[in-house]
C-alpha atoms as a PDB file:
ATOM      1  CA  UNK A   1       0.000   0.000   0.000  1.00  0.00           C
ATOM      2  CA  UNK A   2       2.922   2.366   0.628  1.00  0.00           C
ATOM      3  CA  UNK A   3       3.984   2.160  -3.022  1.00  0.00           C
ATOM      4  CA  UNK A   4       0.392   2.808  -4.106  1.00  0.00           C
ATOM      5  CA  UNK A   5       0.193   5.930  -1.904  1.00  0.00           C
ATOM      6  CA  UNK A   6       3.453   7.250  -3.382  1.00  0.00           C
ATOM      7  CA  UNK A   7       2.154   6.676  -6.925  1.00  0.00           C
ATOM      8  CA  UNK A   8      -1.116   8.472  -6.169  1.00  0.00           C
ATOM      9  CA  UNK A   9       0.669  11.423  -4.514  1.00  0.00           C
ATOM     10  CA  UNK A  10       2.904  11.774  -7.577  1.00  0.00           C
ATOM     11  CA  UNK A  11      -0.202  12.281  -9.737  1.00  0.00           C
ATOM     12  CA  UNK A  12      -1.674  15.097  -7.623  1.00  0.00           C
ATOM     13  CA  UNK A  13      -1.311  18.783  -8.358  1.00  0.00           C
ATOM     14  CA  UNK A  14       0.369  20.163  -5.247  1.00  0.00           C
ATOM     15  CA  UNK A  15       1.272  23.560  -6.633  1.00  0.00           C
ATOM     16  CA  UNK A  16      -0.491  25.384  -3.788  1.00  0.00           C
ATOM     17  CA  UNK A  17       1.495  23.426  -1.202  1.00  0.00           C
ATOM     18  CA  UNK A  18       4.773  24.179  -2.995  1.00  0.00           C
ATOM     19  CA  UNK A  19       3.876  27.869  -3.379  1.00  0.00           C
ATOM     20  CA  UNK A  20       3.356  28.277   0.348  1.00  0.00           C
ATOM     21  CA  UNK A  21       6.769  26.881   1.337  1.00  0.00           C
ATOM     22  CA  UNK A  22       8.613  29.631   3.143  1.00  0.00           C
ATOM     23  CA  UNK A  23      12.067  30.676   2.021  1.00  0.00           C
ATOM     24  CA  UNK A  24      13.659  31.041   5.439  1.00  0.00           C
ATOM     25  CA  UNK A  25      15.255  28.709   7.962  1.00  0.00           C
ATOM     26  CA  UNK A  26      16.281  25.219   7.024  1.00  0.00           C
ATOM     27  CA  UNK A  27      14.961  23.591   3.861  1.00  0.00           C
ATOM     28  CA  UNK A  28      11.332  22.482   4.244  1.00  0.00           C
ATOM     29  CA  UNK A  29      10.228  18.898   3.731  1.00  0.00           C
ATOM     30  CA  UNK A  30       8.752  18.094   0.344  1.00  0.00           C
ATOM     31  CA  UNK A  31       4.938  18.405   0.530  1.00  0.00           C
ATOM     32  CA  UNK A  32       4.640  15.081  -1.321  1.00  0.00           C
ATOM     33  CA  UNK A  33       6.534  13.369   1.498  1.00  0.00           C
ATOM     34  CA  UNK A  34       4.367  14.877   4.240  1.00  0.00           C
ATOM     35  CA  UNK A  35       1.117  14.273   2.385  1.00  0.00           C
ATOM     36  CA  UNK A  36       2.150  10.683   1.668  1.00  0.00           C
ATOM     37  CA  UNK A  37       2.834  10.107   5.354  1.00  0.00           C
ATOM     38  CA  UNK A  38      -0.553  11.531   6.295  1.00  0.00           C
ATOM     39  CA  UNK A  39      -2.451   9.545   3.653  1.00  0.00           C
ATOM     40  CA  UNK A  40      -0.723   6.300   4.536  1.00  0.00           C
ATOM     41  CA  UNK A  41      -1.158   6.798   8.252  1.00  0.00           C
ATOM     42  CA  UNK A  42      -4.878   7.499   7.810  1.00  0.00           C
ATOM     43  CA  UNK A  43      -5.191   4.326   5.709  1.00  0.00           C
ATOM     44  CA  UNK A  44      -3.573   2.315   8.470  1.00  0.00           C
ATOM     45  CA  UNK A  45      -5.556   3.881  11.319  1.00  0.00           C
ATOM     46  CA  UNK A  46      -2.859   6.178  12.709  1.00  0.00           C
ATOM     47  CA  UNK A  47      -4.042   9.729  13.296  1.00  0.00           C
ATOM     48  CA  UNK A  48      -1.560  11.113  15.827  1.00  0.00           C
ATOM     49  CA  UNK A  49       1.325  13.163  14.447  1.00  0.00           C
ATOM     50  CA  UNK A  50       3.519  11.815  17.267  1.00  0.00           C
ATOM     51  CA  UNK A  51       2.756   8.237  16.201  1.00  0.00           C
ATOM     52  CA  UNK A  52       3.476   9.136  12.568  1.00  0.00           C
ATOM     53  CA  UNK A  53       6.839  10.581  13.630  1.00  0.00           C
ATOM     54  CA  UNK A  54       7.652   7.405  15.573  1.00  0.00           C
ATOM     55  CA  UNK A  55       6.605   5.233  12.632  1.00  0.00           C
ATOM     56  CA  UNK A  56       9.166   6.930  10.351  1.00  0.00           C
ATOM     57  CA  UNK A  57      11.793   5.404  12.636  1.00  0.00           C
ATOM     58  CA  UNK A  58      10.175   2.012  13.257  1.00  0.00           C
ATOM     59  CA  UNK A  59       8.137   0.933  10.232  1.00  0.00           C
ATOM     60  CA  UNK A  60       9.540   0.087   6.813  1.00  0.00           C
ATOM     61  CA  UNK A  61       6.509   1.403   4.893  1.00  0.00           C
ATOM     62  CA  UNK A  62       6.686   4.793   6.615  1.00  0.00           C
ATOM     63  CA  UNK A  63      10.435   4.928   6.013  1.00  0.00           C
ATOM     64  CA  UNK A  64       9.839   4.192   2.318  1.00  0.00           C
ATOM     65  CA  UNK A  65       7.296   7.009   1.989  1.00  0.00           C
ATOM     66  CA  UNK A  66       9.494   9.431   3.953  1.00  0.00           C
ATOM     67  CA  UNK A  67      12.608   8.585   1.962  1.00  0.00           C
ATOM     68  CA  UNK A  68      14.319   7.632   5.234  1.00  0.00           C
ATOM     69  CA  UNK A  69      13.750  11.159   6.581  1.00  0.00           C
ATOM     70  CA  UNK A  70      12.142  11.737   9.956  1.00  0.00           C
ATOM     71  CA  UNK A  71       9.984  14.873  10.148  1.00  0.00           C
ATOM     72  CA  UNK A  72       9.013  15.729  13.694  1.00  0.00           C
ATOM     73  CA  UNK A  73       5.428  15.732  14.933  1.00  0.00           C
ATOM     74  CA  UNK A  74       5.192  19.544  14.881  1.00  0.00           C
ATOM     75  CA  UNK A  75       6.097  19.608  11.180  1.00  0.00           C
ATOM     76  CA  UNK A  76       3.487  16.952  10.403  1.00  0.00           C
ATOM     77  CA  UNK A  77       0.788  18.676  12.473  1.00  0.00           C
ATOM     78  CA  UNK A  78       1.523  22.097  10.959  1.00  0.00           C
ATOM     79  CA  UNK A  79       1.412  20.691   7.427  1.00  0.00           C
ATOM     80  CA  UNK A  80      -1.895  19.006   8.145  1.00  0.00           C
ATOM     81  CA  UNK A  81      -3.373  22.167   9.641  1.00  0.00           C
ATOM     82  CA  UNK A  82      -2.093  24.418   6.840  1.00  0.00           C
ATOM     83  CA  UNK A  83      -2.638  22.345   3.698  1.00  0.00           C
ATOM     84  CA  UNK A  84      -5.302  19.703   3.956  1.00  0.00           C
ATOM     85  CA  UNK A  85      -8.140  22.125   3.227  1.00  0.00           C
ATOM     86  CA  UNK A  86      -6.376  23.094  -0.028  1.00  0.00           C
ATOM     87  CA  UNK A  87      -5.754  19.499  -1.024  1.00  0.00           C
ATOM     88  CA  UNK A  88      -9.383  18.396  -0.645  1.00  0.00           C
ATOM     89  CA  UNK A  89     -10.086  19.673  -4.149  1.00  0.00           C
END
């Protein structure tokens, strides 16, 4: 299912998510990565951003989607709060 989620995310138009990336601080995570983590976690019954963060360290499927990166729970929660209303379309 992780490969399926990545394929679906690659087909979405995420231009609004890319446009809102800020140009300060350290480089932001790719919106495709964060959205893939959220989609996959929802499919598997995980809704907590802290559990998603932990899964990027413990679970092979989450590591595959995240490209072996480990965004923290604040990053995941902020992305969800900021972008999911835009992605519904």
